[in-house]
Amino acid sequence: MKLLWEEYSDKCKNEGVKACSYITFTKNYGKYTVDRNYTSHIDYKPGIEIEVDWSGPTMNYVDTETGRVITAYLFVATIPYSKKCYVEATTDMREQSWLKNSKGSLMK
């Protein structure tokens, strides 16, 4: 939704039109899709696919040994058919970080 709103806002800016707020946009977009019975249903077969991504804004924590503030990135994996999720914080967004830490965890 945020991406759609940003694209809408950019278009309004380019056309010299005032854009509505994000909250107003999401409410109107929801009403628009319901009124027209729009859906985005995706069929999944059990155990075939897994969806992975990095979630939202970063977070910080303090290393108790050094006192250093460390940025944490949230890795999220979902098995769509089962609707089960796995979330893990990592110190970077490199592939090896989440593969090493989550190996085997997704299927437990």
N, C-alpha and C. Protein backbone atom coordinates (compact mmCIF):
# COMPACT_ATOMS: atom_id res chain seq x y z
N MET A 1 0.82 -1.19 0.00
CA MET A 1 0.00 0.00 0.00
C MET A 1 0.86 1.26 0.00
N LYS A 2 1.95 1.19 0.76
CA LYS A 2 2.82 2.37 0.84
C LYS A 2 3.40 2.70 -0.53
N LEU A 3 3.81 1.66 -1.26
CA LEU A 3 4.36 1.88 -2.60
C LEU A 3 3.31 2.49 -3.53
N LEU A 4 2.09 1.96 -3.47
CA LEU A 4 1.01 2.52 -4.31
C LEU A 4 0.77 3.99 -3.97
N TRP A 5 0.76 4.31 -2.66
CA TRP A 5 0.53 5.68 -2.24
C TRP A 5 1.68 6.59 -2.72
N GLU A 6 2.92 6.09 -2.61
CA GLU A 6 4.07 6.89 -3.06
C GLU A 6 4.00 7.15 -4.56
N GLU A 7 3.60 6.14 -5.32
CA GLU A 7 3.46 6.32 -6.77
C GLU A 7 2.35 7.33 -7.07
N TYR A 8 1.24 7.20 -6.36
CA TYR A 8 0.13 8.15 -6.51
C TYR A 8 0.58 9.57 -6.15
N SER A 9 1.29 9.72 -5.04
CA SER A 9 1.77 11.04 -4.61
C SER A 9 2.71 11.65 -5.63
N ASP A 10 3.61 10.83 -6.17
CA ASP A 10 4.54 11.32 -7.20
C ASP A 10 3.79 11.79 -8.44
N LYS A 11 2.77 11.03 -8.83
CA LYS A 11 1.97 11.40 -10.01
C LYS A 11 1.26 12.73 -9.76
N CYS A 12 0.68 12.87 -8.56
CA CYS A 12 -0.01 14.13 -8.23
C CYS A 12 0.97 15.30 -8.26
N LYS A 13 2.14 15.09 -7.70
CA LYS A 13 3.16 16.15 -7.65
C LYS A 13 3.55 16.57 -9.07
N ASN A 14 3.77 15.59 -9.95
CA ASN A 14 4.14 15.87 -11.34
C ASN A 14 3.03 16.60 -12.09
N GLU A 15 1.77 16.34 -11.69
CA GLU A 15 0.64 16.97 -12.36
C GLU A 15 0.21 18.27 -11.67
N GLY A 16 0.89 18.62 -10.57
CA GLY A 16 0.57 19.85 -9.85
C GLY A 16 -0.72 19.77 -9.06
N VAL A 17 -1.10 18.56 -8.67
CA VAL A 17 -2.33 18.33 -7.91
C VAL A 17 -1.96 17.92 -6.49
N LYS A 18 -2.75 18.38 -5.53
CA LYS A 18 -2.49 18.01 -4.14
C LYS A 18 -2.93 16.57 -3.90
N ALA A 19 -2.03 15.77 -3.33
CA ALA A 19 -2.32 14.36 -3.03
C ALA A 19 -3.01 14.25 -1.67
N CYS A 20 -3.84 13.24 -1.51
CA CYS A 20 -4.46 13.01 -0.20
C CYS A 20 -3.45 12.31 0.72
N SER A 21 -3.75 12.26 2.00
CA SER A 21 -2.85 11.64 2.97
C SER A 21 -2.82 10.13 2.77
N TYR A 22 -1.82 9.49 3.34
CA TYR A 22 -1.69 8.04 3.25
C TYR A 22 -2.92 7.35 3.84
N ILE A 23 -3.37 7.82 5.00
CA ILE A 23 -4.53 7.20 5.65
C ILE A 23 -5.77 7.31 4.78
N THR A 24 -6.01 8.48 4.22
CA THR A 24 -7.16 8.68 3.33
C THR A 24 -7.03 7.79 2.09
N PHE A 25 -5.82 7.71 1.54
CA PHE A 25 -5.58 6.88 0.36
C PHE A 25 -5.91 5.42 0.64
N THR A 26 -5.44 4.88 1.77
CA THR A 26 -5.68 3.46 2.07
C THR A 26 -7.17 3.19 2.30
N LYS A 27 -7.86 4.10 2.97
CA LYS A 27 -9.30 3.93 3.19
C LYS A 27 -10.04 3.92 1.85
N ASN A 28 -9.73 4.92 1.01
CA ASN A 28 -10.40 5.00 -0.29
C ASN A 28 -10.04 3.83 -1.20
N TYR A 29 -8.80 3.40 -1.16
CA TYR A 29 -8.37 2.26 -1.98
C TYR A 29 -9.11 0.99 -1.54
N GLY A 30 -9.21 0.80 -0.22
CA GLY A 30 -9.95 -0.36 0.30
C GLY A 30 -11.39 -0.34 -0.15
N LYS A 31 -12.04 0.82 -0.04
CA LYS A 31 -13.44 0.95 -0.46
C LYS A 31 -13.57 0.71 -1.97
N TYR A 32 -12.64 1.24 -2.73
CA TYR A 32 -12.63 1.09 -4.19
C TYR A 32 -12.56 -0.39 -4.59
N THR A 33 -11.66 -1.14 -3.96
CA THR A 33 -11.51 -2.55 -4.32
C THR A 33 -12.70 -3.38 -3.86
N VAL A 34 -13.27 -3.07 -2.69
CA VAL A 34 -14.45 -3.80 -2.20
C VAL A 34 -15.65 -3.53 -3.09
N ASP A 35 -15.87 -2.26 -3.44
CA ASP A 35 -17.01 -1.89 -4.29
C ASP A 35 -16.97 -2.60 -5.64
N ARG A 36 -15.81 -2.87 -6.13
CA ARG A 36 -15.66 -3.51 -7.45
C ARG A 36 -15.38 -5.01 -7.34
N ASN A 37 -15.40 -5.52 -6.11
CA ASN A 37 -15.17 -6.94 -5.85
C ASN A 37 -13.82 -7.41 -6.38
N TYR A 38 -12.81 -6.56 -6.29
CA TYR A 38 -11.46 -6.93 -6.72
C TYR A 38 -10.81 -7.80 -5.65
N THR A 39 -10.14 -8.83 -6.08
CA THR A 39 -9.38 -9.68 -5.16
C THR A 39 -8.04 -9.99 -5.79
N SER A 40 -7.13 -10.44 -4.98
CA SER A 40 -5.83 -10.87 -5.51
C SER A 40 -5.52 -12.23 -4.89
N HIS A 41 -6.31 -13.20 -5.26
CA HIS A 41 -6.17 -14.55 -4.73
C HIS A 41 -5.07 -15.29 -5.48
N ILE A 42 -4.20 -15.92 -4.73
CA ILE A 42 -3.12 -16.71 -5.32
C ILE A 42 -3.27 -18.14 -4.80
N ASP A 43 -3.33 -19.11 -5.69
CA ASP A 43 -3.42 -20.51 -5.29
C ASP A 43 -2.03 -21.03 -4.95
N TYR A 44 -1.93 -21.75 -3.84
CA TYR A 44 -0.68 -22.35 -3.41
C TYR A 44 -0.86 -23.84 -3.26
N LYS A 45 0.18 -24.58 -3.58
CA LYS A 45 0.19 -26.01 -3.32
C LYS A 45 1.03 -26.22 -2.07
N PRO A 46 0.57 -27.07 -1.16
CA PRO A 46 1.29 -27.27 0.10
C PRO A 46 2.74 -27.72 -0.11
N GLY A 47 3.64 -27.07 0.60
CA GLY A 47 5.05 -27.47 0.61
C GLY A 47 5.85 -27.15 -0.63
N ILE A 48 5.28 -26.46 -1.59
CA ILE A 48 5.97 -26.19 -2.85
C ILE A 48 6.75 -24.88 -2.81
N GLU A 49 6.17 -23.86 -2.20
CA GLU A 49 6.79 -22.53 -2.23
C GLU A 49 7.02 -21.99 -0.83
N ILE A 50 7.99 -21.09 -0.76
CA ILE A 50 8.24 -20.33 0.45
C ILE A 50 8.53 -18.89 0.00
N GLU A 51 8.00 -17.93 0.72
CA GLU A 51 8.23 -16.53 0.37
C GLU A 51 9.15 -15.94 1.43
N VAL A 52 10.19 -15.23 0.98
CA VAL A 52 11.14 -14.61 1.90
C VAL A 52 11.33 -13.14 1.55
N ASP A 53 11.60 -12.35 2.56
CA ASP A 53 11.84 -10.92 2.34
C ASP A 53 12.39 -10.31 3.61
N TRP A 54 12.86 -9.09 3.49
CA TRP A 54 13.28 -8.29 4.64
C TRP A 54 12.12 -7.40 4.99
N SER A 55 11.79 -7.29 6.27
CA SER A 55 10.59 -6.60 6.69
C SER A 55 10.85 -5.19 7.19
N GLY A 56 10.07 -4.25 6.67
CA GLY A 56 9.97 -2.90 7.20
C GLY A 56 11.24 -2.19 7.62
N PRO A 57 11.07 -1.22 8.52
CA PRO A 57 12.22 -0.42 8.96
C PRO A 57 13.14 -1.24 9.88
N THR A 58 14.36 -0.79 9.98
CA THR A 58 15.32 -1.47 10.85
C THR A 58 15.01 -1.18 12.31
N MET A 59 15.63 -1.97 13.17
CA MET A 59 15.51 -1.78 14.61
C MET A 59 16.92 -1.70 15.17
N ASN A 60 17.05 -1.25 16.39
CA ASN A 60 18.37 -1.18 17.04
C ASN A 60 18.32 -1.89 18.38
N TYR A 61 19.49 -2.41 18.78
CA TYR A 61 19.63 -2.95 20.12
C TYR A 61 21.03 -2.60 20.61
N VAL A 62 21.23 -2.69 21.92
CA VAL A 62 22.51 -2.34 22.51
C VAL A 62 23.24 -3.62 22.91
N ASP A 63 24.46 -3.78 22.43
CA ASP A 63 25.32 -4.89 22.83
C ASP A 63 25.72 -4.64 24.28
N THR A 64 25.29 -5.51 25.19
CA THR A 64 25.54 -5.29 26.62
C THR A 64 27.01 -5.37 26.99
N GLU A 65 27.82 -6.04 26.20
CA GLU A 65 29.25 -6.14 26.49
C GLU A 65 30.02 -4.89 26.07
N THR A 66 29.65 -4.33 24.90
CA THR A 66 30.41 -3.19 24.37
C THR A 66 29.67 -1.86 24.52
N GLY A 67 28.36 -1.91 24.74
CA GLY A 67 27.56 -0.69 24.81
C GLY A 67 27.26 -0.10 23.44
N ARG A 68 27.70 -0.78 22.39
CA ARG A 68 27.52 -0.31 21.03
C ARG A 68 26.08 -0.54 20.55
N VAL A 69 25.51 0.46 19.85
CA VAL A 69 24.18 0.32 19.27
C VAL A 69 24.33 -0.40 17.93
N ILE A 70 23.58 -1.47 17.78
CA ILE A 70 23.67 -2.30 16.58
C ILE A 70 22.34 -2.28 15.84
N THR A 71 22.41 -2.13 14.53
CA THR A 71 21.21 -2.15 13.70
C THR A 71 20.80 -3.59 13.44
N ALA A 72 19.51 -3.87 13.57
CA ALA A 72 18.99 -5.21 13.31
C ALA A 72 18.01 -5.15 12.15
N TYR A 73 18.11 -6.12 11.26
CA TYR A 73 17.23 -6.25 10.11
C TYR A 73 16.36 -7.49 10.32
N LEU A 74 15.07 -7.39 10.03
CA LEU A 74 14.18 -8.53 10.23
C LEU A 74 14.01 -9.32 8.94
N PHE A 75 14.41 -10.58 9.01
CA PHE A 75 14.21 -11.51 7.91
C PHE A 75 12.90 -12.23 8.18
N VAL A 76 12.03 -12.32 7.15
CA VAL A 76 10.73 -12.97 7.30
C VAL A 76 10.58 -14.02 6.21
N ALA A 77 10.14 -15.20 6.61
CA ALA A 77 9.84 -16.27 5.66
C ALA A 77 8.44 -16.78 5.96
N THR A 78 7.68 -17.03 4.91
CA THR A 78 6.31 -17.52 5.07
C THR A 78 6.11 -18.73 4.16
N ILE A 79 5.46 -19.72 4.73
CA ILE A 79 5.03 -20.87 3.93
C ILE A 79 3.54 -20.60 3.66
N PRO A 80 3.22 -20.09 2.45
CA PRO A 80 1.90 -19.55 2.19
C PRO A 80 0.72 -20.48 2.48
N TYR A 81 0.82 -21.71 2.09
CA TYR A 81 -0.32 -22.61 2.26
C TYR A 81 -0.66 -22.80 3.73
N SER A 82 0.36 -22.92 4.56
CA SER A 82 0.12 -23.16 5.99
C SER A 82 -0.07 -21.87 6.77
N LYS A 83 0.29 -20.75 6.15
CA LYS A 83 0.23 -19.43 6.80
C LYS A 83 1.17 -19.33 8.00
N LYS A 84 2.20 -20.15 8.03
CA LYS A 84 3.18 -20.10 9.12
C LYS A 84 4.29 -19.14 8.72
N CYS A 85 4.78 -18.39 9.71
CA CYS A 85 5.84 -17.42 9.46
C CYS A 85 7.04 -17.71 10.35
N TYR A 86 8.18 -17.31 9.86
CA TYR A 86 9.41 -17.37 10.63
C TYR A 86 10.04 -15.99 10.54
N VAL A 87 10.42 -15.42 11.67
CA VAL A 87 11.04 -14.10 11.70
C VAL A 87 12.31 -14.19 12.52
N GLU A 88 13.38 -13.56 12.01
CA GLU A 88 14.64 -13.55 12.72
C GLU A 88 15.37 -12.23 12.47
N ALA A 89 15.95 -11.71 13.53
CA ALA A 89 16.76 -10.48 13.39
C ALA A 89 18.18 -10.86 13.01
N THR A 90 18.75 -10.12 12.07
CA THR A 90 20.14 -10.32 11.68
C THR A 90 20.85 -8.97 11.69
N THR A 91 22.18 -9.00 11.68
CA THR A 91 22.95 -7.76 11.74
C THR A 91 23.25 -7.18 10.35
N ASP A 92 22.88 -7.91 9.31
CA ASP A 92 23.02 -7.40 7.94
C ASP A 92 22.00 -8.12 7.07
N MET A 93 21.91 -7.74 5.81
CA MET A 93 20.92 -8.34 4.92
C MET A 93 21.57 -9.23 3.87
N ARG A 94 22.73 -9.77 4.21
CA ARG A 94 23.39 -10.68 3.27
C ARG A 94 22.74 -12.06 3.35
N GLU A 95 22.73 -12.73 2.23
CA GLU A 95 22.09 -14.05 2.13
C GLU A 95 22.66 -15.03 3.16
N GLN A 96 23.95 -15.02 3.34
CA GLN A 96 24.57 -15.96 4.28
C GLN A 96 24.08 -15.78 5.71
N SER A 97 23.74 -14.57 6.09
CA SER A 97 23.28 -14.31 7.46
C SER A 97 22.01 -15.08 7.78
N TRP A 98 21.02 -14.99 6.91
CA TRP A 98 19.78 -15.69 7.22
C TRP A 98 19.84 -17.16 6.90
N LEU A 99 20.63 -17.55 5.92
CA LEU A 99 20.76 -18.98 5.63
C LEU A 99 21.45 -19.71 6.78
N LYS A 100 22.50 -19.11 7.30
CA LYS A 100 23.26 -19.73 8.39
C LYS A 100 22.42 -19.82 9.65
N ASN A 101 21.72 -18.76 10.00
CA ASN A 101 20.98 -18.70 11.26
C ASN A 101 19.67 -19.48 11.22
N SER A 102 19.02 -19.56 10.08
CA SER A 102 17.69 -20.17 10.04
C SER A 102 17.70 -21.58 9.46
N LYS A 103 18.87 -22.11 9.16
CA LYS A 103 18.95 -23.43 8.53
C LYS A 103 18.16 -24.46 9.34
N GLY A 104 17.17 -25.04 8.72
CA GLY A 104 16.35 -26.05 9.36
C GLY A 104 15.20 -25.49 10.17
N SER A 105 15.25 -24.24 10.56
CA SER A 105 14.20 -23.66 11.42
C SER A 105 12.87 -23.52 10.70
N LEU A 106 12.91 -23.30 9.39
CA LEU A 106 11.68 -23.03 8.66
C LEU A 106 10.77 -24.25 8.56
N MET A 107 11.32 -25.42 8.65
CA MET A 107 10.52 -26.60 8.48
C MET A 107 10.14 -27.28 9.79
N LYS A 108 10.54 -26.71 10.90
CA LYS A 108 10.21 -27.32 12.20
C LYS A 108 8.78 -27.09 12.56
